[in-house]
Amino acid sequence: MEQSITRTLQALSDPTRRAIIRMLNERDMTAGEIAAHFAISAPSVSHHLNVLKTADLVIAERQGQRIVYRLNATVLQEMLSNLLDLLRIGVERKEDGHA
């Protein structure tokens, strides 16, 4: 659990990757469509997409000649649930008088 939270948070630590996540939350997109929103090189966009894929936040699906990227919202939901569980542990300790 800790490793997946760390990997997800590291992937989301970059503002460009967070912007990509927001765009993919609205609709699936190709790398070219994503790149059109940024003033950075195509290899930089590719790097950001690879980081997001490695963290399982984005799924790449080949559709003919192109690759379409879509958000894997399940990973975000699991990470948030795990974070809430961690915070709840802290609350329980305070309520038990251990903090």
C-alpha atoms as a PDB file:
ATOM      1  CA  MET A   1       0.000   0.000   0.000  1.00  0.00           C
ATOM      2  CA  GLU A   2       2.732   2.488   0.980  1.00  0.00           C
ATOM      3  CA  GLN A   3       4.594   1.912  -2.272  1.00  0.00           C
ATOM      4  CA  SER A   4       1.531   2.541  -4.443  1.00  0.00           C
ATOM      5  CA  ILE A   5       0.672   5.720  -2.518  1.00  0.00           C
ATOM      6  CA  THR A   6       4.249   6.951  -2.919  1.00  0.00           C
ATOM      7  CA  ARG A   7       4.323   6.138  -6.641  1.00  0.00           C
ATOM      8  CA  THR A   8       0.983   7.856  -7.201  1.00  0.00           C
ATOM      9  CA  LEU A   9       1.926  10.965  -5.217  1.00  0.00           C
ATOM     10  CA  GLN A  10       5.258  11.224  -7.024  1.00  0.00           C
ATOM     11  CA  ALA A  11       3.479  11.024 -10.377  1.00  0.00           C
ATOM     12  CA  LEU A  12       1.023  13.713  -9.285  1.00  0.00           C
ATOM     13  CA  SER A  13       3.746  15.987  -7.894  1.00  0.00           C
ATOM     14  CA  ASP A  14       4.319  17.623 -11.285  1.00  0.00           C
ATOM     15  CA  PRO A  15       1.880  20.355 -12.424  1.00  0.00           C
ATOM     16  CA  THR A  16       2.044  19.207 -16.064  1.00  0.00           C
ATOM     17  CA  ARG A  17       1.034  15.684 -15.085  1.00  0.00           C
ATOM     18  CA  ARG A  18      -1.800  17.032 -12.942  1.00  0.00           C
ATOM     19  CA  ALA A  19      -2.998  19.052 -15.939  1.00  0.00           C
ATOM     20  CA  ILE A  20      -2.887  15.912 -18.096  1.00  0.00           C
ATOM     21  CA  ILE A  21      -4.956  14.072 -15.476  1.00  0.00           C
ATOM     22  CA  ARG A  22      -7.540  16.885 -15.524  1.00  0.00           C
ATOM     23  CA  MET A  23      -7.735  16.763 -19.331  1.00  0.00           C
ATOM     24  CA  LEU A  24      -8.107  12.988 -19.382  1.00  0.00           C
ATOM     25  CA  ASN A  25     -10.806  13.256 -16.745  1.00  0.00           C
ATOM     26  CA  GLU A  26     -12.862  15.119 -19.346  1.00  0.00           C
ATOM     27  CA  ARG A  27     -12.161  12.796 -22.291  1.00  0.00           C
ATOM     28  CA  ASP A  28      -9.745  10.272 -23.754  1.00  0.00           C
ATOM     29  CA  MET A  29      -7.010  11.856 -25.867  1.00  0.00           C
ATOM     30  CA  THR A  30      -4.046  11.020 -28.088  1.00  0.00           C
ATOM     31  CA  ALA A  31      -0.542  12.183 -27.200  1.00  0.00           C
ATOM     32  CA  GLY A  32      -0.770  14.797 -29.963  1.00  0.00           C
ATOM     33  CA  GLU A  33      -4.014  16.183 -28.561  1.00  0.00           C
ATOM     34  CA  ILE A  34      -2.447  16.353 -25.108  1.00  0.00           C
ATOM     35  CA  ALA A  35       0.752  17.959 -26.420  1.00  0.00           C
ATOM     36  CA  ALA A  36      -1.262  20.686 -28.185  1.00  0.00           C
ATOM     37  CA  HIS A  37      -2.168  22.087 -24.740  1.00  0.00           C
ATOM     38  CA  PHE A  38       1.441  22.607 -23.651  1.00  0.00           C
ATOM     39  CA  ALA A  39       4.423  24.660 -24.768  1.00  0.00           C
ATOM     40  CA  ILE A  40       6.826  21.754 -24.225  1.00  0.00           C
ATOM     41  CA  SER A  41       8.455  19.266 -26.587  1.00  0.00           C
ATOM     42  CA  ALA A  42       6.783  16.053 -27.713  1.00  0.00           C
ATOM     43  CA  PRO A  43       9.439  13.966 -25.883  1.00  0.00           C
ATOM     44  CA  SER A  44       8.601  15.850 -22.674  1.00  0.00           C
ATOM     45  CA  VAL A  45       4.908  15.043 -23.083  1.00  0.00           C
ATOM     46  CA  SER A  46       5.860  11.429 -23.762  1.00  0.00           C
ATOM     47  CA  HIS A  47       7.934  11.381 -20.567  1.00  0.00           C
ATOM     48  CA  HIS A  48       5.012  12.715 -18.512  1.00  0.00           C
ATOM     49  CA  LEU A  49       2.662  10.141 -20.043  1.00  0.00           C
ATOM     50  CA  ASN A  50       5.138   7.358 -19.248  1.00  0.00           C
ATOM     51  CA  VAL A  51       5.373   8.470 -15.615  1.00  0.00           C
ATOM     52  CA  LEU A  52       1.568   8.455 -15.396  1.00  0.00           C
ATOM     53  CA  LYS A  53       1.414   5.019 -17.054  1.00  0.00           C
ATOM     54  CA  THR A  54       4.048   3.620 -14.693  1.00  0.00           C
ATOM     55  CA  ALA A  55       1.941   4.817 -11.756  1.00  0.00           C
ATOM     56  CA  ASP A  56      -1.109   3.174 -13.405  1.00  0.00           C
ATOM     57  CA  LEU A  57      -2.893   6.526 -13.469  1.00  0.00           C
ATOM     58  CA  VAL A  58      -3.218   6.441 -17.258  1.00  0.00           C
ATOM     59  CA  ILE A  59      -4.006   3.576 -19.601  1.00  0.00           C
ATOM     60  CA  ALA A  60      -2.708   3.612 -23.182  1.00  0.00           C
ATOM     61  CA  GLU A  61      -4.826   1.778 -25.727  1.00  0.00           C
ATOM     62  CA  ARG A  62      -3.856   1.259 -29.354  1.00  0.00           C
ATOM     63  CA  GLN A  63      -6.683   2.121 -31.751  1.00  0.00           C
ATOM     64  CA  GLY A  64      -5.433   1.451 -35.264  1.00  0.00           C
ATOM     65  CA  GLN A  65      -2.496   3.754 -35.996  1.00  0.00           C
ATOM     66  CA  ARG A  66      -2.883   5.852 -32.869  1.00  0.00           C
ATOM     67  CA  ILE A  67      -2.609   5.399 -29.142  1.00  0.00           C
ATOM     68  CA  VAL A  68      -5.406   6.807 -27.026  1.00  0.00           C
ATOM     69  CA  TYR A  69      -4.800   7.661 -23.382  1.00  0.00           C
ATOM     70  CA  ARG A  70      -7.488   7.447 -20.748  1.00  0.00           C
ATOM     71  CA  LEU A  71      -7.601   8.098 -17.046  1.00  0.00           C
ATOM     72  CA  ASN A  72      -7.540   5.113 -14.709  1.00  0.00           C
ATOM     73  CA  ALA A  73      -9.737   6.632 -12.019  1.00  0.00           C
ATOM     74  CA  THR A  74      -9.673   3.416  -9.993  1.00  0.00           C
ATOM     75  CA  VAL A  75      -6.063   4.028  -8.949  1.00  0.00           C
ATOM     76  CA  LEU A  76      -6.885   7.563  -7.803  1.00  0.00           C
ATOM     77  CA  GLN A  77      -9.876   6.295  -5.839  1.00  0.00           C
ATOM     78  CA  GLU A  78      -7.792   3.559  -4.190  1.00  0.00           C
ATOM     79  CA  MET A  79      -5.029   6.016  -3.302  1.00  0.00           C
ATOM     80  CA  LEU A  80      -7.525   8.424  -1.725  1.00  0.00           C
ATOM     81  CA  SER A  81      -9.116   5.574   0.200  1.00  0.00           C
ATOM     82  CA  ASN A  82      -5.693   4.451   1.455  1.00  0.00           C
ATOM     83  CA  LEU A  83      -4.816   8.005   2.490  1.00  0.00           C
ATOM     84  CA  LEU A  84      -8.094   8.321   4.360  1.00  0.00           C
ATOM     85  CA  ASP A  85      -7.358   5.028   6.112  1.00  0.00           C
ATOM     86  CA  LEU A  86      -3.956   6.378   7.158  1.00  0.00           C
ATOM     87  CA  LEU A  87      -5.541   9.573   8.462  1.00  0.00           C
ATOM     88  CA  ARG A  88      -8.212   7.583  10.264  1.00  0.00           C
ATOM     89  CA  ILE A  89      -5.475   5.620  12.051  1.00  0.00           C
ATOM     90  CA  GLY A  90      -4.110   8.914  13.357  1.00  0.00           C
ATOM     91  CA  VAL A  91      -7.571   9.988  14.513  1.00  0.00           C
ATOM     92  CA  GLU A  92      -8.165   6.674  16.286  1.00  0.00           C
ATOM     93  CA  ARG A  93      -4.837   7.014  18.117  1.00  0.00           C
ATOM     94  CA  LYS A  94      -5.764  10.506  19.300  1.00  0.00           C
ATOM     95  CA  GLU A  95      -9.188   9.291  20.459  1.00  0.00           C
ATOM     96  CA  ASP A  96      -7.546   6.430  22.365  1.00  0.00           C
ATOM     97  CA  GLY A  97      -5.217   8.930  24.068  1.00  0.00           C
ATOM     98  CA  HIS A  98      -2.075   7.608  22.358  1.00  0.00           C
ATOM     99  CA  ALA A  99      -1.126  10.774  20.501  1.00  0.00           C
END
